Amino acid sequence: MIEFIEDTSICKNKLLLTYFNQETNADCGICSTCLSKNKKSDLDLSIQIIDLLQSNPTSSREIENKLSITSEETIFALKQLLEKNKIAINSQNKYYLI
């Protein structure tokens, strides 16, 4: 029980499954460990998008292709940046820095 609480490097779902002699390679994505990892990667992705937009306005598809990320990751990161007023979208559906 102490290991479960103190371990912040392994997905809690993986820890539980291992305890019951079951295994999985995939992280659950919703436990405290996974969420803290995702926050770091979301921040990294936001920084990469901002760097990309410094040169010129870019569509979401172009961002996906240039950064080799999924549509879901792109939409989530762009939504966060829009909400924080870091970027905006123009009439050609391209994102640019504010």
PDB file of N, CA and C in Angstrom:
ATOM      1  N   MET A   1       0.821  -1.191   0.000  1.00  0.00           N
ATOM      2  CA  MET A   1       0.000   0.000   0.000  1.00  0.00           C
ATOM      3  C   MET A   1       0.867   1.259   0.000  1.00  0.00           C
ATOM      4  N   ILE A   2       1.935   1.238   0.768  1.00  0.00           N
ATOM      5  CA  ILE A   2       2.824   2.402   0.833  1.00  0.00           C
ATOM      6  C   ILE A   2       3.471   2.642  -0.528  1.00  0.00           C
ATOM      7  N   GLU A   3       3.901   1.566  -1.182  1.00  0.00           N
ATOM      8  CA  GLU A   3       4.508   1.704  -2.511  1.00  0.00           C
ATOM      9  C   GLU A   3       3.518   2.334  -3.488  1.00  0.00           C
ATOM     10  N   PHE A   4       2.266   1.917  -3.420  1.00  0.00           N
ATOM     11  CA  PHE A   4       1.230   2.452  -4.299  1.00  0.00           C
ATOM     12  C   PHE A   4       1.096   3.964  -4.122  1.00  0.00           C
ATOM     13  N   ILE A   5       1.125   4.410  -2.893  1.00  0.00           N
ATOM     14  CA  ILE A   5       0.949   5.832  -2.599  1.00  0.00           C
ATOM     15  C   ILE A   5       2.198   6.635  -2.946  1.00  0.00           C
ATOM     16  N   GLU A   6       3.368   6.112  -2.625  1.00  0.00           N
ATOM     17  CA  GLU A   6       4.604   6.873  -2.789  1.00  0.00           C
ATOM     18  C   GLU A   6       5.164   6.859  -4.204  1.00  0.00           C
ATOM     19  N   ASP A   7       4.877   5.829  -4.979  1.00  0.00           N
ATOM     20  CA  ASP A   7       5.440   5.724  -6.324  1.00  0.00           C
ATOM     21  C   ASP A   7       4.755   6.720  -7.255  1.00  0.00           C
ATOM     22  N   THR A   8       5.524   7.642  -7.790  1.00  0.00           N
ATOM     23  CA  THR A   8       4.976   8.638  -8.713  1.00  0.00           C
ATOM     24  C   THR A   8       5.515   8.460 -10.129  1.00  0.00           C
ATOM     25  N   SER A   9       6.151   7.331 -10.387  1.00  0.00           N
ATOM     26  CA  SER A   9       6.726   7.119 -11.711  1.00  0.00           C
ATOM     27  C   SER A   9       5.987   6.067 -12.530  1.00  0.00           C
ATOM     28  N   ILE A  10       5.196   5.224 -11.880  1.00  0.00           N
ATOM     29  CA  ILE A  10       4.487   4.153 -12.571  1.00  0.00           C
ATOM     30  C   ILE A  10       2.982   4.378 -12.451  1.00  0.00           C
ATOM     31  N   CYS A  11       2.301   4.178 -13.554  1.00  0.00           N
ATOM     32  CA  CYS A  11       0.841   4.297 -13.610  1.00  0.00           C
ATOM     33  C   CYS A  11       0.205   3.485 -12.477  1.00  0.00           C
ATOM     34  N   LYS A  12      -0.732   4.095 -11.766  1.00  0.00           N
ATOM     35  CA  LYS A  12      -1.398   3.423 -10.640  1.00  0.00           C
ATOM     36  C   LYS A  12      -2.147   2.174 -11.109  1.00  0.00           C
ATOM     37  N   ASN A  13      -2.713   2.222 -12.293  1.00  0.00           N
ATOM     38  CA  ASN A  13      -3.408   1.059 -12.841  1.00  0.00           C
ATOM     39  C   ASN A  13      -2.428  -0.102 -13.038  1.00  0.00           C
ATOM     40  N   LYS A  14      -1.242   0.204 -13.552  1.00  0.00           N
ATOM     41  CA  LYS A  14      -0.218  -0.832 -13.734  1.00  0.00           C
ATOM     42  C   LYS A  14       0.193  -1.435 -12.397  1.00  0.00           C
ATOM     43  N   LEU A  15       0.348  -0.581 -11.387  1.00  0.00           N
ATOM     44  CA  LEU A  15       0.711  -1.079 -10.060  1.00  0.00           C
ATOM     45  C   LEU A  15      -0.342  -2.038  -9.521  1.00  0.00           C
ATOM     46  N   LEU A  16      -1.605  -1.663  -9.664  1.00  0.00           N
ATOM     47  CA  LEU A  16      -2.692  -2.529  -9.188  1.00  0.00           C
ATOM     48  C   LEU A  16      -2.740  -3.853  -9.953  1.00  0.00           C
ATOM     49  N   LEU A  17      -2.616  -3.767 -11.263  1.00  0.00           N
ATOM     50  CA  LEU A  17      -2.650  -4.994 -12.064  1.00  0.00           C
ATOM     51  C   LEU A  17      -1.480  -5.910 -11.730  1.00  0.00           C
ATOM     52  N   THR A  18      -0.314  -5.334 -11.521  1.00  0.00           N
ATOM     53  CA  THR A  18       0.855  -6.134 -11.148  1.00  0.00           C
ATOM     54  C   THR A  18       0.625  -6.816  -9.807  1.00  0.00           C
ATOM     55  N   TYR A  19       0.020  -6.121  -8.878  1.00  0.00           N
ATOM     56  CA  TYR A  19      -0.275  -6.691  -7.568  1.00  0.00           C
ATOM     57  C   TYR A  19      -1.158  -7.930  -7.697  1.00  0.00           C
ATOM     58  N   PHE A  20      -2.100  -7.892  -8.642  1.00  0.00           N
ATOM     59  CA  PHE A  20      -3.009  -9.019  -8.850  1.00  0.00           C
ATOM     60  C   PHE A  20      -2.523  -9.956  -9.970  1.00  0.00           C
ATOM     61  N   ASN A  21      -1.217  -9.929 -10.235  1.00  0.00           N
ATOM     62  CA  ASN A  21      -0.564 -10.803 -11.221  1.00  0.00           C
ATOM     63  C   ASN A  21      -1.133 -10.672 -12.636  1.00  0.00           C
ATOM     64  N   GLN A  22      -1.502  -9.460 -12.993  1.00  0.00           N
ATOM     65  CA  GLN A  22      -1.921  -9.159 -14.359  1.00  0.00           C
ATOM     66  C   GLN A  22      -0.994  -8.082 -14.886  1.00  0.00           C
ATOM     67  N   GLU A  23      -0.831  -8.032 -16.192  1.00  0.00           N
ATOM     68  CA  GLU A  23       0.072  -7.034 -16.749  1.00  0.00           C
ATOM     69  C   GLU A  23      -0.562  -6.301 -17.913  1.00  0.00           C
ATOM     70  N   THR A  24      -0.116  -5.076 -18.106  1.00  0.00           N
ATOM     71  CA  THR A  24      -0.500  -4.263 -19.247  1.00  0.00           C
ATOM     72  C   THR A  24       0.677  -3.361 -19.586  1.00  0.00           C
ATOM     73  N   ASN A  25       0.821  -3.036 -20.843  1.00  0.00           N
ATOM     74  CA  ASN A  25       1.889  -2.135 -21.263  1.00  0.00           C
ATOM     75  C   ASN A  25       1.409  -0.691 -21.354  1.00  0.00           C
ATOM     76  N   ALA A  26       0.108  -0.506 -21.420  1.00  0.00           N
ATOM     77  CA  ALA A  26      -0.451   0.826 -21.610  1.00  0.00           C
ATOM     78  C   ALA A  26      -0.752   1.505 -20.278  1.00  0.00           C
ATOM     79  N   ASP A  27      -0.407   2.781 -20.207  1.00  0.00           N
ATOM     80  CA  ASP A  27      -0.796   3.587 -19.052  1.00  0.00           C
ATOM     81  C   ASP A  27      -2.277   3.913 -19.168  1.00  0.00           C
ATOM     82  N   CYS A  28      -2.928   4.119 -18.017  1.00  0.00           N
ATOM     83  CA  CYS A  28      -4.373   4.367 -18.025  1.00  0.00           C
ATOM     84  C   CYS A  28      -4.712   5.770 -18.523  1.00  0.00           C
ATOM     85  N   GLY A  29      -3.837   6.738 -18.239  1.00  0.00           N
ATOM     86  CA  GLY A  29      -4.069   8.108 -18.677  1.00  0.00           C
ATOM     87  C   GLY A  29      -4.934   8.933 -17.753  1.00  0.00           C
ATOM     88  N   ILE A  30      -5.480   8.330 -16.675  1.00  0.00           N
ATOM     89  CA  ILE A  30      -6.390   9.082 -15.803  1.00  0.00           C
ATOM     90  C   ILE A  30      -5.986   9.081 -14.329  1.00  0.00           C
ATOM     91  N   CYS A  31      -4.981   8.317 -13.964  1.00  0.00           N
ATOM     92  CA  CYS A  31      -4.558   8.310 -12.555  1.00  0.00           C
ATOM     93  C   CYS A  31      -3.672   9.531 -12.276  1.00  0.00           C
ATOM     94  N   SER A  32      -3.339   9.752 -11.027  1.00  0.00           N
ATOM     95  CA  SER A  32      -2.541  10.919 -10.656  1.00  0.00           C
ATOM     96  C   SER A  32      -1.168  10.921 -11.329  1.00  0.00           C
ATOM     97  N   THR A  33      -0.569   9.759 -11.473  1.00  0.00           N
ATOM     98  CA  THR A  33       0.742   9.669 -12.116  1.00  0.00           C
ATOM     99  C   THR A  33       0.636  10.021 -13.592  1.00  0.00           C
ATOM    100  N   CYS A  34      -0.324   9.444 -14.274  1.00  0.00           N
ATOM    101  CA  CYS A  34      -0.503   9.717 -15.704  1.00  0.00           C
ATOM    102  C   CYS A  34      -0.849  11.186 -15.953  1.00  0.00           C
ATOM    103  N   LEU A  35      -1.710  11.747 -15.125  1.00  0.00           N
ATOM    104  CA  LEU A  35      -2.098  13.140 -15.298  1.00  0.00           C
ATOM    105  C   LEU A  35      -0.911  14.074 -15.106  1.00  0.00           C
ATOM    106  N   SER A  36      -0.049  13.784 -14.144  1.00  0.00           N
ATOM    107  CA  SER A  36       1.117  14.650 -13.948  1.00  0.00           C
ATOM    108  C   SER A  36       2.080  14.527 -15.114  1.00  0.00           C
ATOM    109  N   LYS A  37       2.219  13.329 -15.686  1.00  0.00           N
ATOM    110  CA  LYS A  37       3.067  13.157 -16.871  1.00  0.00           C
ATOM    111  C   LYS A  37       2.482  13.915 -18.053  1.00  0.00           C
ATOM    112  N   ASN A  38       1.161  13.846 -18.213  1.00  0.00           N
ATOM    113  CA  ASN A  38       0.509  14.523 -19.328  1.00  0.00           C
ATOM    114  C   ASN A  38       0.621  16.029 -19.219  1.00  0.00           C
ATOM    115  N   LYS A  39       0.584  16.571 -18.023  1.00  0.00           N
ATOM    116  CA  LYS A  39       0.732  18.017 -17.859  1.00  0.00           C
ATOM    117  C   LYS A  39       2.080  18.462 -18.375  1.00  0.00           C
ATOM    118  N   LYS A  40       3.116  17.698 -18.080  1.00  0.00           N
ATOM    119  CA  LYS A  40       4.448  18.043 -18.566  1.00  0.00           C
ATOM    120  C   LYS A  40       4.505  17.955 -20.081  1.00  0.00           C
ATOM    121  N   SER A  41       3.945  16.900 -20.644  1.00  0.00           N
ATOM    122  CA  SER A  41       3.989  16.748 -22.094  1.00  0.00           C
ATOM    123  C   SER A  41       3.091  17.780 -22.785  1.00  0.00           C
ATOM    124  N   ASP A  42       1.969  18.165 -22.154  1.00  0.00           N
ATOM    125  CA  ASP A  42       1.116  19.209 -22.705  1.00  0.00           C
ATOM    126  C   ASP A  42       1.860  20.531 -22.762  1.00  0.00           C
ATOM    127  N   LEU A  43       2.624  20.818 -21.725  1.00  0.00           N
ATOM    128  CA  LEU A  43       3.416  22.039 -21.701  1.00  0.00           C
ATOM    129  C   LEU A  43       4.469  22.001 -22.798  1.00  0.00           C
ATOM    130  N   ASP A  44       5.153  20.883 -22.959  1.00  0.00           N
ATOM    131  CA  ASP A  44       6.157  20.736 -24.011  1.00  0.00           C
ATOM    132  C   ASP A  44       5.522  20.922 -25.384  1.00  0.00           C
ATOM    133  N   LEU A  45       4.359  20.342 -25.584  1.00  0.00           N
ATOM    134  CA  LEU A  45       3.674  20.449 -26.864  1.00  0.00           C
ATOM    135  C   LEU A  45       3.259  21.893 -27.140  1.00  0.00           C
ATOM    136  N   SER A  46       2.777  22.577 -26.127  1.00  0.00           N
ATOM    137  CA  SER A  46       2.401  23.984 -26.281  1.00  0.00           C
ATOM    138  C   SER A  46       3.611  24.824 -26.685  1.00  0.00           C
ATOM    139  N   ILE A  47       4.736  24.561 -26.075  1.00  0.00           N
ATOM    140  CA  ILE A  47       5.969  25.283 -26.409  1.00  0.00           C
ATOM    141  C   ILE A  47       6.379  25.007 -27.855  1.00  0.00           C
ATOM    142  N   GLN A  48       6.267  23.757 -28.275  1.00  0.00           N
ATOM    143  CA  GLN A  48       6.610  23.401 -29.651  1.00  0.00           C
ATOM    144  C   GLN A  48       5.684  24.108 -30.648  1.00  0.00           C
ATOM    145  N   ILE A  49       4.402  24.184 -30.325  1.00  0.00           N
ATOM    146  CA  ILE A  49       3.445  24.855 -31.215  1.00  0.00           C
ATOM    147  C   ILE A  49       3.753  26.346 -31.282  1.00  0.00           C
ATOM    148  N   ILE A  50       4.031  26.952 -30.155  1.00  0.00           N
ATOM    149  CA  ILE A  50       4.370  28.376 -30.144  1.00  0.00           C
ATOM    150  C   ILE A  50       5.619  28.632 -30.970  1.00  0.00           C
ATOM    151  N   ASP A  51       6.621  27.792 -30.834  1.00  0.00           N
ATOM    152  CA  ASP A  51       7.837  27.929 -31.640  1.00  0.00           C
ATOM    153  C   ASP A  51       7.527  27.822 -33.128  1.00  0.00           C
ATOM    154  N   LEU A  52       6.664  26.895 -33.476  1.00  0.00           N
ATOM    155  CA  LEU A  52       6.288  26.692 -34.873  1.00  0.00           C
ATOM    156  C   LEU A  52       5.548  27.902 -35.432  1.00  0.00           C
ATOM    157  N   LEU A  53       4.695  28.503 -34.622  1.00  0.00           N
ATOM    158  CA  LEU A  53       3.884  29.634 -35.083  1.00  0.00           C
ATOM    159  C   LEU A  53       4.657  30.937 -35.158  1.00  0.00           C
ATOM    160  N   GLN A  54       5.860  30.973 -34.638  1.00  0.00           N
ATOM    161  CA  GLN A  54       6.639  32.209 -34.683  1.00  0.00           C
ATOM    162  C   GLN A  54       7.034  32.582 -36.107  1.00  0.00           C
ATOM    163  N   SER A  55       7.157  31.596 -36.973  1.00  0.00           N
ATOM    164  CA  SER A  55       7.575  31.890 -38.343  1.00  0.00           C
ATOM    165  C   SER A  55       6.414  32.386 -39.208  1.00  0.00           C
ATOM    166  N   ASN A  56       5.260  31.723 -39.136  1.00  0.00           N
ATOM    167  CA  ASN A  56       4.099  32.151 -39.916  1.00  0.00           C
ATOM    168  C   ASN A  56       2.833  31.421 -39.454  1.00  0.00           C
ATOM    169  N   PRO A  57       1.650  31.928 -39.812  1.00  0.00           N
ATOM    170  CA  PRO A  57       0.407  31.249 -39.452  1.00  0.00           C
ATOM    171  C   PRO A  57       0.379  29.839 -40.028  1.00  0.00           C
ATOM    172  N   THR A  58      -0.192  28.903 -39.253  1.00  0.00           N
ATOM    173  CA  THR A  58      -0.154  27.495 -39.622  1.00  0.00           C
ATOM    174  C   THR A  58      -1.498  26.842 -39.293  1.00  0.00           C
ATOM    175  N   SER A  59      -1.942  25.950 -40.173  1.00  0.00           N
ATOM    176  CA  SER A  59      -3.193  25.232 -39.932  1.00  0.00           C
ATOM    177  C   SER A  59      -2.959  24.093 -38.937  1.00  0.00           C
ATOM    178  N   SER A  60      -4.046  23.579 -38.396  1.00  0.00           N
ATOM    179  CA  SER A  60      -3.918  22.476 -37.430  1.00  0.00           C
ATOM    180  C   SER A  60      -3.327  21.234 -38.096  1.00  0.00           C
ATOM    181  N   ARG A  61      -3.679  20.981 -39.336  1.00  0.00           N
ATOM    182  CA  ARG A  61      -3.120  19.826 -40.062  1.00  0.00           C
ATOM    183  C   ARG A  61      -1.613  19.979 -40.248  1.00  0.00           C
ATOM    184  N   GLU A  62      -1.194  21.181 -40.583  1.00  0.00           N
ATOM    185  CA  GLU A  62       0.243  21.427 -40.752  1.00  0.00           C
ATOM    186  C   GLU A  62       0.982  21.241 -39.428  1.00  0.00           C
ATOM    187  N   ILE A  63       0.353  21.666 -38.342  1.00  0.00           N
ATOM    188  CA  ILE A  63       0.952  21.485 -37.016  1.00  0.00           C
ATOM    189  C   ILE A  63       1.091  20.000 -36.714  1.00  0.00           C
ATOM    190  N   GLU A  64       0.029  19.242 -36.962  1.00  0.00           N
ATOM    191  CA  GLU A  64       0.069  17.781 -36.754  1.00  0.00           C
ATOM    192  C   GLU A  64       1.216  17.149 -37.526  1.00  0.00           C
ATOM    193  N   ASN A  65       1.315  17.490 -38.805  1.00  0.00           N
ATOM    194  CA  ASN A  65       2.333  16.887 -39.662  1.00  0.00           C
ATOM    195  C   ASN A  65       3.747  17.289 -39.258  1.00  0.00           C
ATOM    196  N   LYS A  66       3.948  18.563 -38.972  1.00  0.00           N
ATOM    197  CA  LYS A  66       5.291  19.038 -38.635  1.00  0.00           C
ATOM    198  C   LYS A  66       5.774  18.511 -37.288  1.00  0.00           C
ATOM    199  N   LEU A  67       4.846  18.335 -36.344  1.00  0.00           N
ATOM    200  CA  LEU A  67       5.232  17.872 -35.009  1.00  0.00           C
ATOM    201  C   LEU A  67       5.002  16.373 -34.819  1.00  0.00           C
ATOM    202  N   SER A  68       4.439  15.720 -35.821  1.00  0.00           N
ATOM    203  CA  SER A  68       4.150  14.279 -35.766  1.00  0.00           C
ATOM    204  C   SER A  68       3.337  13.908 -34.530  1.00  0.00           C
ATOM    205  N   ILE A  69       2.194  14.567 -34.394  1.00  0.00           N
ATOM    206  CA  ILE A  69       1.299  14.318 -33.266  1.00  0.00           C
ATOM    207  C   ILE A  69      -0.093  13.979 -33.798  1.00  0.00           C
ATOM    208  N   THR A  70      -0.942  13.453 -32.918  1.00  0.00           N
ATOM    209  CA  THR A  70      -2.296  13.068 -33.318  1.00  0.00           C
ATOM    210  C   THR A  70      -3.220  14.278 -33.377  1.00  0.00           C
ATOM    211  N   SER A  71      -4.365  14.093 -34.014  1.00  0.00           N
ATOM    212  CA  SER A  71      -5.384  15.150 -34.081  1.00  0.00           C
ATOM    213  C   SER A  71      -5.852  15.537 -32.686  1.00  0.00           C
ATOM    214  N   GLU A  72      -6.030  14.530 -31.822  1.00  0.00           N
ATOM    215  CA  GLU A  72      -6.496  14.796 -30.461  1.00  0.00           C
ATOM    216  C   GLU A  72      -5.494  15.646 -29.691  1.00  0.00           C
ATOM    217  N   GLU A  73      -4.225  15.319 -29.807  1.00  0.00           N
ATOM    218  CA  GLU A  73      -3.189  16.089 -29.118  1.00  0.00           C
ATOM    219  C   GLU A  73      -3.151  17.520 -29.640  1.00  0.00           C
ATOM    220  N   THR A  74      -3.282  17.662 -30.944  1.00  0.00           N
ATOM    221  CA  THR A  74      -3.251  18.990 -31.566  1.00  0.00           C
ATOM    222  C   THR A  74      -4.421  19.830 -31.087  1.00  0.00           C
ATOM    223  N   ILE A  75      -5.614  19.266 -31.154  1.00  0.00           N
ATOM    224  CA  ILE A  75      -6.816  19.999 -30.754  1.00  0.00           C
ATOM    225  C   ILE A  75      -6.740  20.409 -29.286  1.00  0.00           C
ATOM    226  N   PHE A  76      -6.311  19.494 -28.428  1.00  0.00           N
ATOM    227  CA  PHE A  76      -6.212  19.791 -26.997  1.00  0.00           C
ATOM    228  C   PHE A  76      -5.230  20.932 -26.744  1.00  0.00           C
ATOM    229  N   ALA A  77      -4.050  20.852 -27.359  1.00  0.00           N
ATOM    230  CA  ALA A  77      -3.030  21.887 -27.147  1.00  0.00           C
ATOM    231  C   ALA A  77      -3.487  23.232 -27.707  1.00  0.00           C
ATOM    232  N   LEU A  78      -4.080  23.223 -28.906  1.00  0.00           N
ATOM    233  CA  LEU A  78      -4.556  24.477 -29.501  1.00  0.00           C
ATOM    234  C   LEU A  78      -5.667  25.099 -28.661  1.00  0.00           C
ATOM    235  N   LYS A  79      -6.555  24.270 -28.143  1.00  0.00           N
ATOM    236  CA  LYS A  79      -7.640  24.767 -27.294  1.00  0.00           C
ATOM    237  C   LYS A  79      -7.076  25.453 -26.052  1.00  0.00           C
ATOM    238  N   GLN A  80      -6.076  24.831 -25.434  1.00  0.00           N
ATOM    239  CA  GLN A  80      -5.458  25.437 -24.251  1.00  0.00           C
ATOM    240  C   GLN A  80      -4.804  26.771 -24.589  1.00  0.00           C
ATOM    241  N   LEU A  81      -4.087  26.808 -25.699  1.00  0.00           N
ATOM    242  CA  LEU A  81      -3.413  28.047 -26.098  1.00  0.00           C
ATOM    243  C   LEU A  81      -4.422  29.139 -26.450  1.00  0.00           C
ATOM    244  N   LEU A  82      -5.530  28.769 -27.082  1.00  0.00           N
ATOM    245  CA  LEU A  82      -6.585  29.741 -27.392  1.00  0.00           C
ATOM    246  C   LEU A  82      -7.211  30.293 -26.120  1.00  0.00           C
ATOM    247  N   GLU A  83      -7.487  29.405 -25.151  1.00  0.00           N
ATOM    248  CA  GLU A  83      -8.101  29.832 -23.887  1.00  0.00           C
ATOM    249  C   GLU A  83      -7.189  30.756 -23.099  1.00  0.00           C
ATOM    250  N   LYS A  84      -5.889  30.570 -23.231  1.00  0.00           N
ATOM    251  CA  LYS A  84      -4.915  31.404 -22.520  1.00  0.00           C
ATOM    252  C   LYS A  84      -4.540  32.655 -23.313  1.00  0.00           C
ATOM    253  N   ASN A  85      -5.211  32.851 -24.450  1.00  0.00           N
ATOM    254  CA  ASN A  85      -4.958  33.997 -25.327  1.00  0.00           C
ATOM    255  C   ASN A  85      -3.501  34.096 -25.775  1.00  0.00           C
ATOM    256  N   LYS A  86      -2.892  32.956 -26.006  1.00  0.00           N
ATOM    257  CA  LYS A  86      -1.530  32.921 -26.537  1.00  0.00           C
ATOM    258  C   LYS A  86      -1.540  32.928 -28.058  1.00  0.00           C
ATOM    259  N   ILE A  87      -2.625  32.349 -28.643  1.00  0.00           N
ATOM    260  CA  ILE A  87      -2.762  32.281 -30.092  1.00  0.00           C
ATOM    261  C   ILE A  87      -4.169  32.692 -30.486  1.00  0.00           C
ATOM    262  N   ALA A  88      -4.344  32.904 -31.794  1.00  0.00           N
ATOM    263  CA  ALA A  88      -5.667  33.199 -32.352  1.00  0.00           C
ATOM    264  C   ALA A  88      -5.750  32.489 -33.699  1.00  0.00           C
ATOM    265  N   ILE A  89      -6.936  32.515 -34.294  1.00  0.00           N
ATOM    266  CA  ILE A  89      -7.139  31.871 -35.593  1.00  0.00           C
ATOM    267  C   ILE A  89      -7.647  32.914 -36.582  1.00  0.00           C
ATOM    268  N   ASN A  90      -7.100  32.875 -37.811  1.00  0.00           N
ATOM    269  CA  ASN A  90      -7.497  33.866 -38.813  1.00  0.00           C
ATOM    270  C   ASN A  90      -8.589  33.318 -39.741  1.00  0.00           C
ATOM    271  N   SER A  91      -8.972  34.086 -40.743  1.00  0.00           N
ATOM    272  CA  SER A  91     -10.065  33.708 -41.637  1.00  0.00           C
ATOM    273  C   SER A  91      -9.715  32.513 -42.541  1.00  0.00           C
ATOM    274  N   GLN A  92      -8.427  32.190 -42.664  1.00  0.00           N
ATOM    275  CA  GLN A  92      -8.005  31.023 -43.441  1.00  0.00           C
ATOM    276  C   GLN A  92      -7.843  29.781 -42.562  1.00  0.00           C
ATOM    277  N   ASN A  93      -8.372  29.838 -41.335  1.00  0.00           N
ATOM    278  CA  ASN A  93      -8.270  28.752 -40.369  1.00  0.00           C
ATOM    279  C   ASN A  93      -6.817  28.387 -40.047  1.00  0.00           C
ATOM    280  N   LYS A  94      -5.988  29.400 -39.940  1.00  0.00           N
ATOM    281  CA  LYS A  94      -4.606  29.208 -39.565  1.00  0.00           C
ATOM    282  C   LYS A  94      -4.371  29.908 -38.229  1.00  0.00           C
ATOM    283  N   TYR A  95      -3.576  29.272 -37.404  1.00  0.00           N
ATOM    284  CA  TYR A  95      -3.280  29.792 -36.070  1.00  0.00           C
ATOM    285  C   TYR A  95      -2.052  30.679 -36.128  1.00  0.00           C
ATOM    286  N   TYR A  96      -2.073  31.735 -35.305  1.00  0.00           N
ATOM    287  CA  TYR A  96      -0.944  32.654 -35.235  1.00  0.00           C
ATOM    288  C   TYR A  96      -0.781  33.143 -33.802  1.00  0.00           C
ATOM    289  N   LEU A  97       0.415  33.630 -33.494  1.00  0.00           N
ATOM    290  CA  LEU A  97       0.688  34.161 -32.151  1.00  0.00           C
ATOM    291  C   LEU A  97       0.057  35.520 -31.975  1.00  0.00           C
ATOM    292  N   ILE A  98      -0.405  35.788 -30.783  1.00  0.00           N
ATOM    293  CA  ILE A  98      -0.987  37.098 -30.457  1.00  0.00           C
ATOM    294  C   ILE A  98       0.128  37.996 -29.925  1.00  0.00           C
TER     295      ILE A  98
END
